[in-house]
């Protein structure tokens, strides 16, 4: 699939609370694997990109933590309901 040059052709619904929690769980798993140096860690040592850019474990951890913070803020910004009940005495 080719890269998009803009978002004009993209549409969709807002993420649900469960979807955001799923994303946070995946990020937590990636962070744990990265820190444990597991075979599924996001970047074991360093990886070079096609344009000469590279990443390493510290940069990858920083990116995962930033993504986690973003989705946590998104989760907390969802509308909520406060329900109360009055009683007549």
PDB file of N, CA and C in Angstrom:
ATOM      1  N   UNK A   1       0.851  -1.162   0.000  1.00  0.00           N
ATOM      2  CA  UNK A   1       0.000   0.000   0.000  1.00  0.00           C
ATOM      3  C   UNK A   1       0.906   1.238   0.000  1.00  0.00           C
ATOM      4  N   UNK A   2       0.587   2.172  -0.850  1.00  0.00           N
ATOM      5  CA  UNK A   2       1.396   3.387  -0.981  1.00  0.00           C
ATOM      6  C   UNK A   2       1.158   4.322   0.199  1.00  0.00           C
ATOM      7  N   UNK A   3       2.170   5.121   0.524  1.00  0.00           N
ATOM      8  CA  UNK A   3       2.035   6.115   1.587  1.00  0.00           C
ATOM      9  C   UNK A   3       1.033   7.185   1.173  1.00  0.00           C
ATOM     10  N   UNK A   4       0.316   7.708   2.152  1.00  0.00           N
ATOM     11  CA  UNK A   4      -0.623   8.796   1.913  1.00  0.00           C
ATOM     12  C   UNK A   4       0.121  10.117   1.894  1.00  0.00           C
ATOM     13  N   UNK A   5      -0.354  11.044   1.092  1.00  0.00           N
ATOM     14  CA  UNK A   5       0.244  12.387   1.078  1.00  0.00           C
ATOM     15  C   UNK A   5      -0.566  13.365   1.908  1.00  0.00           C
ATOM     16  N   UNK A   6      -1.829  13.013   2.223  1.00  0.00           N
ATOM     17  CA  UNK A   6      -2.670  13.819   3.096  1.00  0.00           C
ATOM     18  C   UNK A   6      -3.754  12.917   3.679  1.00  0.00           C
ATOM     19  N   UNK A   7      -4.571  13.467   4.571  1.00  0.00           N
ATOM     20  CA  UNK A   7      -5.589  12.680   5.261  1.00  0.00           C
ATOM     21  C   UNK A   7      -6.991  12.897   4.704  1.00  0.00           C
ATOM     22  N   UNK A   8      -7.123  13.569   3.567  1.00  0.00           N
ATOM     23  CA  UNK A   8      -8.441  13.912   3.038  1.00  0.00           C
ATOM     24  C   UNK A   8      -9.280  12.691   2.672  1.00  0.00           C
ATOM     25  N   UNK A   9      -8.656  11.579   2.363  1.00  0.00           N
ATOM     26  CA  UNK A   9      -9.408  10.381   1.967  1.00  0.00           C
ATOM     27  C   UNK A   9      -9.664   9.433   3.141  1.00  0.00           C
ATOM     28  N   UNK A  10      -9.284   9.844   4.344  1.00  0.00           N
ATOM     29  CA  UNK A  10      -9.421   8.992   5.518  1.00  0.00           C
ATOM     30  C   UNK A  10     -10.636   9.427   6.328  1.00  0.00           C
ATOM     31  N   UNK A  11     -11.423   8.451   6.742  1.00  0.00           N
ATOM     32  CA  UNK A  11     -12.545   8.747   7.633  1.00  0.00           C
ATOM     33  C   UNK A  11     -12.649   7.616   8.642  1.00  0.00           C
ATOM     34  N   UNK A  12     -13.333   7.874   9.716  1.00  0.00           N
ATOM     35  CA  UNK A  12     -13.495   6.840  10.724  1.00  0.00           C
ATOM     36  C   UNK A  12     -14.139   7.400  11.969  1.00  0.00           C
ATOM     37  N   UNK A  13     -14.354   6.523  12.905  1.00  0.00           N
ATOM     38  CA  UNK A  13     -14.967   6.885  14.169  1.00  0.00           C
ATOM     39  C   UNK A  13     -13.884   7.153  15.209  1.00  0.00           C
ATOM     40  N   UNK A  14     -14.244   7.901  16.241  1.00  0.00           N
ATOM     41  CA  UNK A  14     -13.328   8.104  17.362  1.00  0.00           C
ATOM     42  C   UNK A  14     -13.055   6.763  18.032  1.00  0.00           C
ATOM     43  N   UNK A  15     -11.883   6.648  18.634  1.00  0.00           N
ATOM     44  CA  UNK A  15     -11.543   5.427  19.358  1.00  0.00           C
ATOM     45  C   UNK A  15     -12.432   5.286  20.582  1.00  0.00           C
ATOM     46  N   UNK A  16     -12.808   4.052  20.872  1.00  0.00           N
ATOM     47  CA  UNK A  16     -13.596   3.792  22.074  1.00  0.00           C
ATOM     48  C   UNK A  16     -12.659   3.640  23.268  1.00  0.00           C
ATOM     49  N   UNK A  17     -13.237   3.649  24.460  1.00  0.00           N
ATOM     50  CA  UNK A  17     -12.444   3.461  25.677  1.00  0.00           C
ATOM     51  C   UNK A  17     -11.720   2.116  25.644  1.00  0.00           C
ATOM     52  N   UNK A  18     -12.413   1.060  25.208  1.00  0.00           N
ATOM     53  CA  UNK A  18     -11.783  -0.263  25.142  1.00  0.00           C
ATOM     54  C   UNK A  18     -10.646  -0.309  24.129  1.00  0.00           C
ATOM     55  N   UNK A  19     -10.800   0.375  22.998  1.00  0.00           N
ATOM     56  CA  UNK A  19      -9.736   0.409  21.999  1.00  0.00           C
ATOM     57  C   UNK A  19      -8.499   1.127  22.549  1.00  0.00           C
ATOM     58  N   UNK A  20      -8.722   2.241  23.231  1.00  0.00           N
ATOM     59  CA  UNK A  20      -7.599   2.985  23.812  1.00  0.00           C
ATOM     60  C   UNK A  20      -6.898   2.142  24.875  1.00  0.00           C
ATOM     61  N   UNK A  21      -7.676   1.452  25.710  1.00  0.00           N
ATOM     62  CA  UNK A  21      -7.076   0.577  26.725  1.00  0.00           C
ATOM     63  C   UNK A  21      -6.287  -0.546  26.065  1.00  0.00           C
ATOM     64  N   UNK A  22      -6.763  -1.053  24.930  1.00  0.00           N
ATOM     65  CA  UNK A  22      -6.028  -2.077  24.191  1.00  0.00           C
ATOM     66  C   UNK A  22      -4.710  -1.552  23.649  1.00  0.00           C
ATOM     67  N   UNK A  23      -4.720  -0.325  23.147  1.00  0.00           N
ATOM     68  CA  UNK A  23      -3.487   0.303  22.645  1.00  0.00           C
ATOM     69  C   UNK A  23      -2.499   0.489  23.793  1.00  0.00           C
ATOM     70  N   UNK A  24      -2.998   0.962  24.946  1.00  0.00           N
ATOM     71  CA  UNK A  24      -2.126   1.137  26.116  1.00  0.00           C
ATOM     72  C   UNK A  24      -1.530  -0.199  26.560  1.00  0.00           C
ATOM     73  N   UNK A  25      -2.328  -1.257  26.523  1.00  0.00           N
ATOM     74  CA  UNK A  25      -1.820  -2.584  26.904  1.00  0.00           C
ATOM     75  C   UNK A  25      -0.729  -3.036  25.935  1.00  0.00           C
ATOM     76  N   UNK A  26      -0.900  -2.777  24.645  1.00  0.00           N
ATOM     77  CA  UNK A  26       0.114  -3.153  23.661  1.00  0.00           C
ATOM     78  C   UNK A  26       1.393  -2.351  23.874  1.00  0.00           C
ATOM     79  N   UNK A  27       1.260  -1.065  24.157  1.00  0.00           N
ATOM     80  CA  UNK A  27       2.435  -0.232  24.422  1.00  0.00           C
ATOM     81  C   UNK A  27       3.157  -0.742  25.669  1.00  0.00           C
ATOM     82  N   UNK A  28       2.400  -1.073  26.722  1.00  0.00           N
ATOM     83  CA  UNK A  28       3.017  -1.609  27.940  1.00  0.00           C
ATOM     84  C   UNK A  28       3.765  -2.904  27.654  1.00  0.00           C
ATOM     85  N   UNK A  29       3.191  -3.767  26.808  1.00  0.00           N
ATOM     86  CA  UNK A  29       3.867  -5.007  26.433  1.00  0.00           C
ATOM     87  C   UNK A  29       5.151  -4.722  25.669  1.00  0.00           C
ATOM     88  N   UNK A  30       5.099  -3.778  24.722  1.00  0.00           N
ATOM     89  CA  UNK A  30       6.299  -3.408  23.960  1.00  0.00           C
ATOM     90  C   UNK A  30       7.383  -2.850  24.879  1.00  0.00           C
ATOM     91  N   UNK A  31       6.994  -2.014  25.833  1.00  0.00           N
ATOM     92  CA  UNK A  31       7.961  -1.453  26.778  1.00  0.00           C
ATOM     93  C   UNK A  31       8.590  -2.558  27.608  1.00  0.00           C
ATOM     94  N   UNK A  32       7.772  -3.475  28.106  1.00  0.00           N
ATOM     95  CA  UNK A  32       8.288  -4.579  28.924  1.00  0.00           C
ATOM     96  C   UNK A  32       9.254  -5.438  28.120  1.00  0.00           C
ATOM     97  N   UNK A  33       8.891  -5.779  26.893  1.00  0.00           N
ATOM     98  CA  UNK A  33       9.775  -6.587  26.055  1.00  0.00           C
ATOM     99  C   UNK A  33      11.072  -5.858  25.733  1.00  0.00           C
ATOM    100  N   UNK A  34      10.972  -4.555  25.501  1.00  0.00           N
ATOM    101  CA  UNK A  34      12.171  -3.770  25.207  1.00  0.00           C
ATOM    102  C   UNK A  34      13.110  -3.761  26.409  1.00  0.00           C
ATOM    103  N   UNK A  35      12.550  -3.563  27.584  1.00  0.00           N
ATOM    104  CA  UNK A  35      13.376  -3.506  28.793  1.00  0.00           C
ATOM    105  C   UNK A  35      13.959  -4.862  29.160  1.00  0.00           C
ATOM    106  N   UNK A  36      13.237  -5.929  28.840  1.00  0.00           N
ATOM    107  CA  UNK A  36      13.707  -7.279  29.158  1.00  0.00           C
ATOM    108  C   UNK A  36      14.665  -7.814  28.100  1.00  0.00           C
ATOM    109  N   UNK A  37      14.841  -7.058  27.007  1.00  0.00           N
ATOM    110  CA  UNK A  37      15.696  -7.480  25.906  1.00  0.00           C
ATOM    111  C   UNK A  37      15.201  -8.796  25.321  1.00  0.00           C
ATOM    112  N   UNK A  38      13.883  -8.965  25.275  1.00  0.00           N
ATOM    113  CA  UNK A  38      13.302 -10.180  24.728  1.00  0.00           C
ATOM    114  C   UNK A  38      13.421 -10.241  23.226  1.00  0.00           C
ATOM    115  N   UNK A  39      13.177 -11.426  22.694  1.00  0.00           N
ATOM    116  CA  UNK A  39      13.281 -11.582  21.245  1.00  0.00           C
ATOM    117  C   UNK A  39      12.217 -10.790  20.511  1.00  0.00           C
ATOM    118  N   UNK A  40      11.167 -10.361  21.218  1.00  0.00           N
ATOM    119  CA  UNK A  40      10.125  -9.548  20.603  1.00  0.00           C
ATOM    120  C   UNK A  40      10.308  -8.059  20.885  1.00  0.00           C
ATOM    121  N   UNK A  41      11.438  -7.681  21.479  1.00  0.00           N
ATOM    122  CA  UNK A  41      11.638  -6.263  21.792  1.00  0.00           C
ATOM    123  C   UNK A  41      11.615  -5.440  20.516  1.00  0.00           C
ATOM    124  N   UNK A  42      11.146  -4.217  20.650  1.00  0.00           N
ATOM    125  CA  UNK A  42      10.916  -3.378  19.484  1.00  0.00           C
ATOM    126  C   UNK A  42      12.202  -3.047  18.721  1.00  0.00           C
ATOM    127  N   UNK A  43      13.302  -2.869  19.388  1.00  0.00           N
ATOM    128  CA  UNK A  43      14.603  -2.654  18.730  1.00  0.00           C
ATOM    129  C   UNK A  43      15.673  -3.145  19.683  1.00  0.00           C
ATOM    130  N   UNK A  44      16.277  -4.271  19.354  1.00  0.00           N
ATOM    131  CA  UNK A  44      17.218  -4.873  20.296  1.00  0.00           C
ATOM    132  C   UNK A  44      18.439  -3.986  20.521  1.00  0.00           C
ATOM    133  N   UNK A  45      19.048  -3.529  19.495  1.00  0.00           N
ATOM    134  CA  UNK A  45      20.255  -2.707  19.655  1.00  0.00           C
ATOM    135  C   UNK A  45      20.076  -1.411  18.892  1.00  0.00           C
ATOM    136  N   UNK A  46      20.335  -1.440  17.617  1.00  0.00           N
ATOM    137  CA  UNK A  46      20.041  -0.265  16.811  1.00  0.00           C
ATOM    138  C   UNK A  46      19.626  -0.742  15.429  1.00  0.00           C
ATOM    139  N   UNK A  47      18.823   0.046  14.777  1.00  0.00           N
ATOM    140  CA  UNK A  47      18.344  -0.302  13.439  1.00  0.00           C
ATOM    141  C   UNK A  47      18.453   0.925  12.562  1.00  0.00           C
ATOM    142  N   UNK A  48      18.945   0.718  11.359  1.00  0.00           N
ATOM    143  CA  UNK A  48      19.092   1.817  10.399  1.00  0.00           C
ATOM    144  C   UNK A  48      17.914   1.832   9.453  1.00  0.00           C
ATOM    145  N   UNK A  49      17.464   3.026   9.120  1.00  0.00           N
ATOM    146  CA  UNK A  49      16.351   3.184   8.194  1.00  0.00           C
ATOM    147  C   UNK A  49      16.836   3.441   6.783  1.00  0.00           C
ATOM    148  N   UNK A  50      15.940   3.422   5.803  1.00  0.00           N
ATOM    149  CA  UNK A  50      16.330   3.588   4.400  1.00  0.00           C
ATOM    150  C   UNK A  50      16.879   4.978   4.080  1.00  0.00           C
ATOM    151  N   UNK A  51      16.493   5.985   4.844  1.00  0.00           N
ATOM    152  CA  UNK A  51      16.964   7.335   4.582  1.00  0.00           C
ATOM    153  C   UNK A  51      18.192   7.724   5.380  1.00  0.00           C
ATOM    154  N   UNK A  52      18.833   6.743   6.002  1.00  0.00           N
ATOM    155  CA  UNK A  52      20.016   7.019   6.795  1.00  0.00           C
ATOM    156  C   UNK A  52      19.727   7.267   8.259  1.00  0.00           C
ATOM    157  N   UNK A  53      18.448   7.361   8.631  1.00  0.00           N
ATOM    158  CA  UNK A  53      18.106   7.555  10.035  1.00  0.00           C
ATOM    159  C   UNK A  53      18.287   6.240  10.782  1.00  0.00           C
ATOM    160  N   UNK A  54      18.441   6.332  12.071  1.00  0.00           N
ATOM    161  CA  UNK A  54      18.588   5.116  12.865  1.00  0.00           C
ATOM    162  C   UNK A  54      17.878   5.298  14.202  1.00  0.00           C
ATOM    163  N   UNK A  55      17.623   4.200  14.844  1.00  0.00           N
ATOM    164  CA  UNK A  55      17.006   4.235  16.158  1.00  0.00           C
ATOM    165  C   UNK A  55      17.750   3.266  17.058  1.00  0.00           C
ATOM    166  N   UNK A  56      17.641   3.483  18.329  1.00  0.00           N
ATOM    167  CA  UNK A  56      18.241   2.557  19.280  1.00  0.00           C
ATOM    168  C   UNK A  56      17.233   2.318  20.392  1.00  0.00           C
ATOM    169  N   UNK A  57      17.605   1.501  21.329  1.00  0.00           N
ATOM    170  CA  UNK A  57      16.672   1.131  22.392  1.00  0.00           C
ATOM    171  C   UNK A  57      16.202   2.339  23.187  1.00  0.00           C
ATOM    172  N   UNK A  58      17.091   3.250  23.520  1.00  0.00           N
ATOM    173  CA  UNK A  58      16.702   4.422  24.310  1.00  0.00           C
ATOM    174  C   UNK A  58      15.712   5.292  23.537  1.00  0.00           C
ATOM    175  N   UNK A  59      15.981   5.499  22.251  1.00  0.00           N
ATOM    176  CA  UNK A  59      15.073   6.304  21.433  1.00  0.00           C
ATOM    177  C   UNK A  59      13.724   5.608  21.294  1.00  0.00           C
ATOM    178  N   UNK A  60      13.758   4.297  21.151  1.00  0.00           N
ATOM    179  CA  UNK A  60      12.520   3.554  21.017  1.00  0.00           C
ATOM    180  C   UNK A  60      11.711   3.609  22.311  1.00  0.00           C
ATOM    181  N   UNK A  61      12.379   3.483  23.448  1.00  0.00           N
ATOM    182  CA  UNK A  61      11.700   3.575  24.739  1.00  0.00           C
ATOM    183  C   UNK A  61      11.075   4.954  24.916  1.00  0.00           C
ATOM    184  N   UNK A  62      11.811   5.996  24.562  1.00  0.00           N
ATOM    185  CA  UNK A  62      11.300   7.364  24.662  1.00  0.00           C
ATOM    186  C   UNK A  62      10.047   7.530  23.794  1.00  0.00           C
ATOM    187  N   UNK A  63      10.073   6.983  22.581  1.00  0.00           N
ATOM    188  CA  UNK A  63       8.928   7.077  21.688  1.00  0.00           C
ATOM    189  C   UNK A  63       7.722   6.322  22.236  1.00  0.00           C
ATOM    190  N   UNK A  64       7.955   5.136  22.788  1.00  0.00           N
ATOM    191  CA  UNK A  64       6.861   4.369  23.383  1.00  0.00           C
ATOM    192  C   UNK A  64       6.252   5.097  24.579  1.00  0.00           C
ATOM    193  N   UNK A  65       7.094   5.699  25.404  1.00  0.00           N
ATOM    194  CA  UNK A  65       6.589   6.433  26.566  1.00  0.00           C
ATOM    195  C   UNK A  65       5.788   7.662  26.144  1.00  0.00           C
ATOM    196  N   UNK A  66       6.234   8.339  25.077  1.00  0.00           N
ATOM    197  CA  UNK A  66       5.486   9.492  24.564  1.00  0.00           C
ATOM    198  C   UNK A  66       4.138   9.050  24.003  1.00  0.00           C
ATOM    199  N   UNK A  67       4.124   7.930  23.295  1.00  0.00           N
ATOM    200  CA  UNK A  67       2.868   7.409  22.753  1.00  0.00           C
ATOM    201  C   UNK A  67       1.923   7.024  23.888  1.00  0.00           C
ATOM    202  N   UNK A  68       2.481   6.413  24.939  1.00  0.00           N
ATOM    203  CA  UNK A  68       1.657   6.011  26.078  1.00  0.00           C
ATOM    204  C   UNK A  68       1.022   7.238  26.735  1.00  0.00           C
ATOM    205  N   UNK A  69       1.815   8.292  26.894  1.00  0.00           N
ATOM    206  CA  UNK A  69       1.301   9.522  27.500  1.00  0.00           C
ATOM    207  C   UNK A  69       0.172  10.104  26.648  1.00  0.00           C
ATOM    208  N   UNK A  70       0.343  10.071  25.328  1.00  0.00           N
ATOM    209  CA  UNK A  70      -0.681  10.589  24.420  1.00  0.00           C
ATOM    210  C   UNK A  70      -1.993   9.816  24.587  1.00  0.00           C
ATOM    211  N   UNK A  71      -1.927   8.488  24.568  1.00  0.00           N
ATOM    212  CA  UNK A  71      -3.142   7.689  24.666  1.00  0.00           C
ATOM    213  C   UNK A  71      -3.755   7.744  26.062  1.00  0.00           C
ATOM    214  N   UNK A  72      -2.937   7.941  27.072  1.00  0.00           N
ATOM    215  CA  UNK A  72      -3.466   8.116  28.421  1.00  0.00           C
ATOM    216  C   UNK A  72      -4.264   9.419  28.507  1.00  0.00           C
ATOM    217  N   UNK A  73      -3.726  10.495  27.925  1.00  0.00           N
ATOM    218  CA  UNK A  73      -4.458  11.772  27.894  1.00  0.00           C
ATOM    219  C   UNK A  73      -5.762  11.631  27.116  1.00  0.00           C
ATOM    220  N   UNK A  74      -5.701  10.898  26.000  1.00  0.00           N
ATOM    221  CA  UNK A  74      -6.886  10.673  25.192  1.00  0.00           C
ATOM    222  C   UNK A  74      -7.942   9.905  25.984  1.00  0.00           C
ATOM    223  N   UNK A  75      -7.514   8.905  26.731  1.00  0.00           N
ATOM    224  CA  UNK A  75      -8.431   8.122  27.551  1.00  0.00           C
ATOM    225  C   UNK A  75      -9.106   8.999  28.606  1.00  0.00           C
ATOM    226  N   UNK A  76      -8.318   9.860  29.236  1.00  0.00           N
ATOM    227  CA  UNK A  76      -8.870  10.706  30.292  1.00  0.00           C
ATOM    228  C   UNK A  76      -9.716  11.865  29.754  1.00  0.00           C
ATOM    229  N   UNK A  77      -9.626  12.137  28.469  1.00  0.00           N
ATOM    230  CA  UNK A  77     -10.412  13.221  27.884  1.00  0.00           C
ATOM    231  C   UNK A  77     -11.770  12.742  27.370  1.00  0.00           C
ATOM    232  N   UNK A  78     -12.002  11.428  27.411  1.00  0.00           N
ATOM    233  CA  UNK A  78     -13.289  10.913  26.950  1.00  0.00           C
ATOM    234  C   UNK A  78     -14.407  11.451  27.833  1.00  0.00           C
ATOM    235  N   UNK A  79     -15.553  11.723  27.237  1.00  0.00           N
ATOM    236  CA  UNK A  79     -16.668  12.205  28.058  1.00  0.00           C
ATOM    237  C   UNK A  79     -17.083  11.130  29.056  1.00  0.00           C
ATOM    238  N   UNK A  80     -17.450  11.569  30.204  1.00  0.00           N
ATOM    239  CA  UNK A  80     -17.879  10.640  31.245  1.00  0.00           C
ATOM    240  C   UNK A  80     -19.235  11.046  31.779  1.00  0.00           C
ATOM    241  N   UNK A  81     -19.822  10.152  32.498  1.00  0.00           N
ATOM    242  CA  UNK A  81     -21.121  10.407  33.097  1.00  0.00           C
ATOM    243  C   UNK A  81     -20.987  10.382  34.601  1.00  0.00           C
ATOM    244  N   UNK A  82     -21.518  11.396  35.256  1.00  0.00           N
ATOM    245  CA  UNK A  82     -21.637  11.405  36.711  1.00  0.00           C
ATOM    246  C   UNK A  82     -23.108  11.205  37.018  1.00  0.00           C
ATOM    247  N   UNK A  83     -23.408  10.140  37.684  1.00  0.00           N
ATOM    248  CA  UNK A  83     -24.794   9.825  37.991  1.00  0.00           C
ATOM    249  C   UNK A  83     -25.003  10.003  39.482  1.00  0.00           C
ATOM    250  N   UNK A  84     -26.032  10.727  39.829  1.00  0.00           N
ATOM    251  CA  UNK A  84     -26.376  10.884  41.241  1.00  0.00           C
ATOM    252  C   UNK A  84     -27.882  10.716  41.388  1.00  0.00           C
ATOM    253  N   UNK A  85     -28.276  10.411  42.557  1.00  0.00           N
ATOM    254  CA  UNK A  85     -29.688  10.210  42.810  1.00  0.00           C
ATOM    255  C   UNK A  85     -30.072  10.987  44.064  1.00  0.00           C
ATOM    256  N   UNK A  86     -31.113  11.778  43.931  1.00  0.00           N
ATOM    257  CA  UNK A  86     -31.592  12.559  45.077  1.00  0.00           C
ATOM    258  C   UNK A  86     -32.618  11.718  45.831  1.00  0.00           C
ATOM    259  N   UNK A  87     -32.603  11.860  47.123  1.00  0.00           N
ATOM    260  CA  UNK A  87     -33.614  11.175  47.915  1.00  0.00           C
ATOM    261  C   UNK A  87     -34.378  12.221  48.726  1.00  0.00           C
ATOM    262  N   UNK A  88     -35.661  12.027  48.803  1.00  0.00           N
ATOM    263  CA  UNK A  88     -36.490  12.956  49.551  1.00  0.00           C
ATOM    264  C   UNK A  88     -36.767  12.374  50.927  1.00  0.00           C
ATOM    265  N   UNK A  89     -36.360  13.040  51.947  1.00  0.00           N
ATOM    266  CA  UNK A  89     -36.599  12.587  53.322  1.00  0.00           C
ATOM    267  C   UNK A  89     -37.476  13.544  54.044  1.00  0.00           C
TER     268      UNK A  89
END
